[in-house]
Every structure is written in C-alpha cells, then in structure tokens.
Amino acid sequence: MHEVAMAGIDASVEQNRTEALSTAVSRTETAYSFPGETTIAGPGMGGLISISVLLLLLALIAWQLYRRLVKWVDKRAQAKMEKRSWECQSARLRHIGRMELEAATFKQTEQFRNLERQAAARDRGIQPEHRRTLQSNRANTNASPLSVPFRPNVCERYRIHGRRA
C-alpha cells in the first residue's frame, strides 16, 4: 500500500513538473519570438533562443566584421597613398638635384658664356635679327600695320605669300 501511495505521489509530482516546464517554454516563446516560431536551445544560456534573435545576432556579428574589414582596407589604401606620395616627393627632389647639378656644370661651358654675351648685347640695344622689320620696311609692303605689327624679313619662310615683303 505504501508503494502504491508513493507511486501516486511520484506521478503527480512528474505531472506538475511537466506542466511547469510547458508553461516556462510558452513564456519564453512569447518573450523572445513570434507566435508559432520554433526555438533552439542556446549553449550555456539556460533558456531557449528564437531563430529571429539568432539571425539578429548573426547579422550584428556580420555587420561588425564588415565594418572592421572596411576600416582595414581604408587604412591599407591610406598607407599605400602615403608611400606613393613619399616616393613621388623623393623622386622629385632627386630630379631637382640632378637639374641643379646640370645647371652648375652648364654654367662652366663656353656655350653659356656666349648666351650671356648675347643677353648683354640684347640689353644694350637692337639685335641683328630685328633690324629689318615691318617698321623699317613699311613703304615696300601691302600688309596693314595693324594686322602685321612685326614681321622680320630675314628669311624666306617669314614672307607672306602673294605680297611683296
């Protein structure tokens, strides 16, 4: 008799546990998910997590990974641009150095001295290539002085075709 009484008590306790568990599951389902949505057990969570919450967490993780990837790519591109800028600047400085060295060596040549003499002569007055211009040859041409204010008559290629220059 005692065994029958104990079996009845065990059955009622088991029934109460089942009802409590189903009530807890339904409360969890309504708290974390939409009605009728399936849930899965989360590891170490002690409760049930709905699929929508899991997808939301996965989306947040993916978004954070994407942000970090974009930051990394931007940082890498910035480093490349800085490196290219530094290389261009150093190449520019090397080129300027070479040009200054060439200028210093050119100033030692006879050609530079001739150019200096010509510049000094130009500063003093009229140059040989400018002596026969339209201004001094105005009576011999048909061109308007306004349309052709300066025309050296030194070489054939300077003559206007069809007119006497």
C-alpha atoms as a PDB file:
ATOM      1  CA  MET A   1       0.000   0.000   0.000  1.00  0.00           C
ATOM      2  CA  HIS A   2       2.785   2.255   0.857  1.00  0.00           C
ATOM      3  CA  GLU A   3       4.318   1.610  -2.560  1.00  0.00           C
ATOM      4  CA  VAL A   4       1.059   2.493  -4.335  1.00  0.00           C
ATOM      5  CA  ALA A   5       0.838   5.767  -2.418  1.00  0.00           C
ATOM      6  CA  MET A   6       4.419   6.632  -3.300  1.00  0.00           C
ATOM      7  CA  ALA A   7       3.772   5.839  -6.969  1.00  0.00           C
ATOM      8  CA  GLY A   8       0.756   8.170  -6.970  1.00  0.00           C
ATOM      9  CA  ILE A   9       2.780  10.982  -5.389  1.00  0.00           C
ATOM     10  CA  ASP A  10       5.595  10.466  -7.901  1.00  0.00           C
ATOM     11  CA  ALA A  11       3.097  10.613 -10.786  1.00  0.00           C
ATOM     12  CA  SER A  12       1.557  13.860  -9.528  1.00  0.00           C
ATOM     13  CA  VAL A  13       4.993  15.436  -8.997  1.00  0.00           C
ATOM     14  CA  GLU A  14       6.008  14.403 -12.510  1.00  0.00           C
ATOM     15  CA  GLN A  15       2.794  15.886 -13.916  1.00  0.00           C
ATOM     16  CA  ASN A  16       3.410  19.174 -12.072  1.00  0.00           C
ATOM     17  CA  ARG A  17       6.955  19.318 -13.451  1.00  0.00           C
ATOM     18  CA  THR A  18       5.710  18.760 -16.996  1.00  0.00           C
ATOM     19  CA  GLU A  19       3.089  21.498 -16.643  1.00  0.00           C
ATOM     20  CA  ALA A  20       5.637  23.925 -15.183  1.00  0.00           C
ATOM     21  CA  LEU A  21       8.090  23.185 -17.976  1.00  0.00           C
ATOM     22  CA  SER A  22       5.464  23.685 -20.689  1.00  0.00           C
ATOM     23  CA  THR A  23       4.407  26.969 -19.041  1.00  0.00           C
ATOM     24  CA  ALA A  24       8.039  28.133 -18.933  1.00  0.00           C
ATOM     25  CA  VAL A  25       8.532  27.196 -22.580  1.00  0.00           C
ATOM     26  CA  SER A  26       5.410  29.074 -23.650  1.00  0.00           C
ATOM     27  CA  ARG A  27       6.511  32.153 -21.637  1.00  0.00           C
ATOM     28  CA  THR A  28       9.963  32.015 -23.228  1.00  0.00           C
ATOM     29  CA  GLU A  29       8.417  31.579 -26.647  1.00  0.00           C
ATOM     30  CA  THR A  30       6.261  34.667 -26.217  1.00  0.00           C
ATOM     31  CA  ALA A  31       9.104  36.700 -24.745  1.00  0.00           C
ATOM     32  CA  TYR A  32      11.745  36.005 -27.437  1.00  0.00           C
ATOM     33  CA  SER A  33       9.888  35.020 -30.559  1.00  0.00           C
ATOM     34  CA  PHE A  34       6.800  35.427 -32.628  1.00  0.00           C
ATOM     35  CA  PRO A  35       3.834  33.107 -32.060  1.00  0.00           C
ATOM     36  CA  GLY A  36       4.355  29.706 -33.625  1.00  0.00           C
ATOM     37  CA  GLU A  37       8.065  30.273 -34.247  1.00  0.00           C
ATOM     38  CA  THR A  38      10.468  27.470 -33.456  1.00  0.00           C
ATOM     39  CA  THR A  39      13.203  27.897 -30.879  1.00  0.00           C
ATOM     40  CA  ILE A  40      16.512  26.218 -30.202  1.00  0.00           C
ATOM     41  CA  ALA A  41      18.447  25.800 -27.016  1.00  0.00           C
ATOM     42  CA  GLY A  42      21.369  28.179 -26.624  1.00  0.00           C
ATOM     43  CA  PRO A  43      24.617  26.745 -25.243  1.00  0.00           C
ATOM     44  CA  GLY A  44      25.155  27.938 -21.708  1.00  0.00           C
ATOM     45  CA  MET A  45      22.168  30.275 -21.868  1.00  0.00           C
ATOM     46  CA  GLY A  46      19.920  28.204 -19.686  1.00  0.00           C
ATOM     47  CA  GLY A  47      16.915  29.104 -21.821  1.00  0.00           C
ATOM     48  CA  LEU A  48      15.578  28.990 -25.322  1.00  0.00           C
ATOM     49  CA  ILE A  49      16.589  31.466 -28.061  1.00  0.00           C
ATOM     50  CA  SER A  50      14.344  32.039 -31.039  1.00  0.00           C
ATOM     51  CA  ILE A  51      15.562  31.825 -34.629  1.00  0.00           C
ATOM     52  CA  SER A  52      14.854  35.526 -35.213  1.00  0.00           C
ATOM     53  CA  VAL A  53      17.061  36.528 -32.265  1.00  0.00           C
ATOM     54  CA  LEU A  54      19.781  34.199 -33.516  1.00  0.00           C
ATOM     55  CA  LEU A  55      19.572  35.708 -37.005  1.00  0.00           C
ATOM     56  CA  LEU A  56      19.707  39.181 -35.492  1.00  0.00           C
ATOM     57  CA  LEU A  57      22.859  38.269 -33.564  1.00  0.00           C
ATOM     58  CA  LEU A  58      24.431  36.791 -36.696  1.00  0.00           C
ATOM     59  CA  ALA A  59      23.561  39.948 -38.642  1.00  0.00           C
ATOM     60  CA  LEU A  60      25.168  42.119 -35.935  1.00  0.00           C
ATOM     61  CA  ILE A  61      28.314  39.994 -35.977  1.00  0.00           C
ATOM     62  CA  ALA A  62      28.469  40.153 -39.780  1.00  0.00           C
ATOM     63  CA  TRP A  63      27.977  43.934 -39.687  1.00  0.00           C
ATOM     64  CA  GLN A  64      30.804  44.360 -37.158  1.00  0.00           C
ATOM     65  CA  LEU A  65      33.099  42.167 -39.251  1.00  0.00           C
ATOM     66  CA  TYR A  66      32.229  44.203 -42.343  1.00  0.00           C
ATOM     67  CA  ARG A  67      32.994  47.485 -40.517  1.00  0.00           C
ATOM     68  CA  ARG A  68      36.361  46.164 -39.388  1.00  0.00           C
ATOM     69  CA  LEU A  69      37.125  44.936 -42.899  1.00  0.00           C
ATOM     70  CA  VAL A  70      36.294  48.360 -44.359  1.00  0.00           C
ATOM     71  CA  LYS A  71      38.493  50.088 -41.756  1.00  0.00           C
ATOM     72  CA  TRP A  72      41.350  47.711 -42.538  1.00  0.00           C
ATOM     73  CA  VAL A  73      41.023  48.246 -46.298  1.00  0.00           C
ATOM     74  CA  ASP A  74      40.873  52.038 -45.837  1.00  0.00           C
ATOM     75  CA  LYS A  75      43.928  52.012 -43.590  1.00  0.00           C
ATOM     76  CA  ARG A  76      45.820  49.917 -46.132  1.00  0.00           C
ATOM     77  CA  ALA A  77      44.836  52.224 -49.011  1.00  0.00           C
ATOM     78  CA  GLN A  78      45.887  55.265 -46.960  1.00  0.00           C
ATOM     79  CA  ALA A  79      49.270  53.668 -46.253  1.00  0.00           C
ATOM     80  CA  LYS A  80      49.743  52.946 -49.975  1.00  0.00           C
ATOM     81  CA  MET A  81      48.866  56.530 -50.880  1.00  0.00           C
ATOM     82  CA  GLU A  82      51.305  57.889 -48.292  1.00  0.00           C
ATOM     83  CA  LYS A  83      54.033  55.596 -49.618  1.00  0.00           C
ATOM     84  CA  ARG A  84      53.381  56.684 -53.218  1.00  0.00           C
ATOM     85  CA  SER A  85      53.354  60.332 -52.164  1.00  0.00           C
ATOM     86  CA  TRP A  86      56.661  59.906 -50.358  1.00  0.00           C
ATOM     87  CA  GLU A  87      58.164  58.120 -53.387  1.00  0.00           C
ATOM     88  CA  CYS A  88      56.970  60.874 -55.747  1.00  0.00           C
ATOM     89  CA  GLN A  89      58.340  63.573 -53.459  1.00  0.00           C
ATOM     90  CA  SER A  90      61.730  61.862 -53.170  1.00  0.00           C
ATOM     91  CA  ALA A  91      61.861  61.316 -56.957  1.00  0.00           C
ATOM     92  CA  ARG A  92      61.000  64.982 -57.480  1.00  0.00           C
ATOM     93  CA  LEU A  93      63.785  66.043 -55.110  1.00  0.00           C
ATOM     94  CA  ARG A  94      66.267  63.729 -56.856  1.00  0.00           C
ATOM     95  CA  HIS A  95      65.269  65.208 -60.222  1.00  0.00           C
ATOM     96  CA  ILE A  96      65.686  68.758 -58.905  1.00  0.00           C
ATOM     97  CA  GLY A  97      69.115  67.824 -57.570  1.00  0.00           C
ATOM     98  CA  ARG A  98      70.149  66.435 -60.960  1.00  0.00           C
ATOM     99  CA  MET A  99      68.860  69.551 -62.728  1.00  0.00           C
ATOM    100  CA  GLU A 100      70.755  71.838 -60.338  1.00  0.00           C
ATOM    101  CA  LEU A 101      73.928  69.828 -60.917  1.00  0.00           C
ATOM    102  CA  GLU A 102      73.461  70.053 -64.698  1.00  0.00           C
ATOM    103  CA  ALA A 103      72.852  73.803 -64.406  1.00  0.00           C
ATOM    104  CA  ALA A 104      76.021  74.221 -62.364  1.00  0.00           C
ATOM    105  CA  THR A 105      78.063  72.295 -64.940  1.00  0.00           C
ATOM    106  CA  PHE A 106      76.397  74.156 -67.844  1.00  0.00           C
ATOM    107  CA  LYS A 107      77.409  77.498 -66.340  1.00  0.00           C
ATOM    108  CA  GLN A 108      81.046  76.421 -66.743  1.00  0.00           C
ATOM    109  CA  THR A 109      80.729  75.853 -70.534  1.00  0.00           C
ATOM    110  CA  GLU A 110      81.566  78.182 -73.406  1.00  0.00           C
ATOM    111  CA  GLN A 111      78.003  77.961 -74.735  1.00  0.00           C
ATOM    112  CA  PHE A 112      76.692  79.547 -71.525  1.00  0.00           C
ATOM    113  CA  ARG A 113      79.248  82.352 -71.804  1.00  0.00           C
ATOM    114  CA  ASN A 114      78.110  83.028 -75.395  1.00  0.00           C
ATOM    115  CA  LEU A 115      74.485  83.152 -74.263  1.00  0.00           C
ATOM    116  CA  GLU A 116      75.435  85.587 -71.513  1.00  0.00           C
ATOM    117  CA  ARG A 117      77.199  87.837 -74.041  1.00  0.00           C
ATOM    118  CA  GLN A 118      74.155  87.761 -76.332  1.00  0.00           C
ATOM    119  CA  ALA A 119      71.876  88.650 -73.424  1.00  0.00           C
ATOM    120  CA  ALA A 120      74.097  91.585 -72.517  1.00  0.00           C
ATOM    121  CA  ALA A 121      74.040  92.758 -76.143  1.00  0.00           C
ATOM    122  CA  ARG A 122      70.269  92.402 -76.207  1.00  0.00           C
ATOM    123  CA  ASP A 123      70.015  94.571 -73.127  1.00  0.00           C
ATOM    124  CA  ARG A 124      72.133  97.274 -74.805  1.00  0.00           C
ATOM    125  CA  GLY A 125      70.068  97.714 -77.964  1.00  0.00           C
ATOM    126  CA  ILE A 126      68.754  96.413 -81.288  1.00  0.00           C
ATOM    127  CA  GLN A 127      69.717  92.924 -82.320  1.00  0.00           C
ATOM    128  CA  PRO A 128      70.778  91.917 -85.837  1.00  0.00           C
ATOM    129  CA  GLU A 129      67.753  89.663 -86.373  1.00  0.00           C
ATOM    130  CA  HIS A 130      65.390  92.556 -85.564  1.00  0.00           C
ATOM    131  CA  ARG A 131      66.921  95.245 -87.809  1.00  0.00           C
ATOM    132  CA  ARG A 132      64.785  94.573 -90.905  1.00  0.00           C
ATOM    133  CA  THR A 133      61.230  94.644 -89.599  1.00  0.00           C
ATOM    134  CA  LEU A 134      57.919  95.895 -90.900  1.00  0.00           C
ATOM    135  CA  GLN A 135      58.522  99.207 -89.138  1.00  0.00           C
ATOM    136  CA  SER A 136      61.629 100.000 -91.170  1.00  0.00           C
ATOM    137  CA  ASN A 137      60.244  98.465 -94.377  1.00  0.00           C
ATOM    138  CA  ARG A 138      56.749  99.984 -94.316  1.00  0.00           C
ATOM    139  CA  ALA A 139      56.867 101.502 -97.807  1.00  0.00           C
ATOM    140  CA  ASN A 140      57.640  98.196 -99.524  1.00  0.00           C
ATOM    141  CA  THR A 141      54.701  96.110 -98.185  1.00  0.00           C
ATOM    142  CA  ASN A 142      50.973  95.936 -98.850  1.00  0.00           C
ATOM    143  CA  ALA A 143      50.132  94.478 -95.415  1.00  0.00           C
ATOM    144  CA  SER A 144      48.271  96.549 -92.880  1.00  0.00           C
ATOM    145  CA  PRO A 145      50.468  97.577 -89.958  1.00  0.00           C
ATOM    146  CA  LEU A 146      47.619  96.729 -87.566  1.00  0.00           C
ATOM    147  CA  SER A 147      47.276  93.139 -88.766  1.00  0.00           C
ATOM    148  CA  VAL A 148      51.027  92.544 -89.010  1.00  0.00           C
ATOM    149  CA  PRO A 149      52.746  94.793 -86.463  1.00  0.00           C
ATOM    150  CA  PHE A 150      56.051  92.920 -86.537  1.00  0.00           C
ATOM    151  CA  ARG A 151      57.427  90.717 -89.296  1.00  0.00           C
ATOM    152  CA  PRO A 152      61.134  90.029 -89.697  1.00  0.00           C
ATOM    153  CA  ASN A 153      62.225  89.807 -93.336  1.00  0.00           C
ATOM    154  CA  VAL A 154      65.380  87.869 -92.682  1.00  0.00           C
ATOM    155  CA  CYS A 155      64.361  84.514 -94.142  1.00  0.00           C
ATOM    156  CA  GLU A 156      62.080  83.290 -96.956  1.00  0.00           C
ATOM    157  CA  ARG A 157      59.820  81.461 -94.532  1.00  0.00           C
ATOM    158  CA  TYR A 158      58.797  84.767 -92.948  1.00  0.00           C
ATOM    159  CA  ARG A 159      57.399  86.214 -96.193  1.00  0.00           C
ATOM    160  CA  ILE A 160      53.657  86.388 -96.681  1.00  0.00           C
ATOM    161  CA  HIS A 161      52.783  84.631 -99.956  1.00  0.00           C
ATOM    162  CA  GLY A 162      51.382  86.801-102.728  1.00  0.00           C
ATOM    163  CA  ARG A 163      52.701  90.032-101.241  1.00  0.00           C
ATOM    164  CA  ARG A 164      55.968  91.749-101.570  1.00  0.00           C
ATOM    165  CA  ALA A 165      57.766  91.772 -98.287  1.00  0.00           C
END
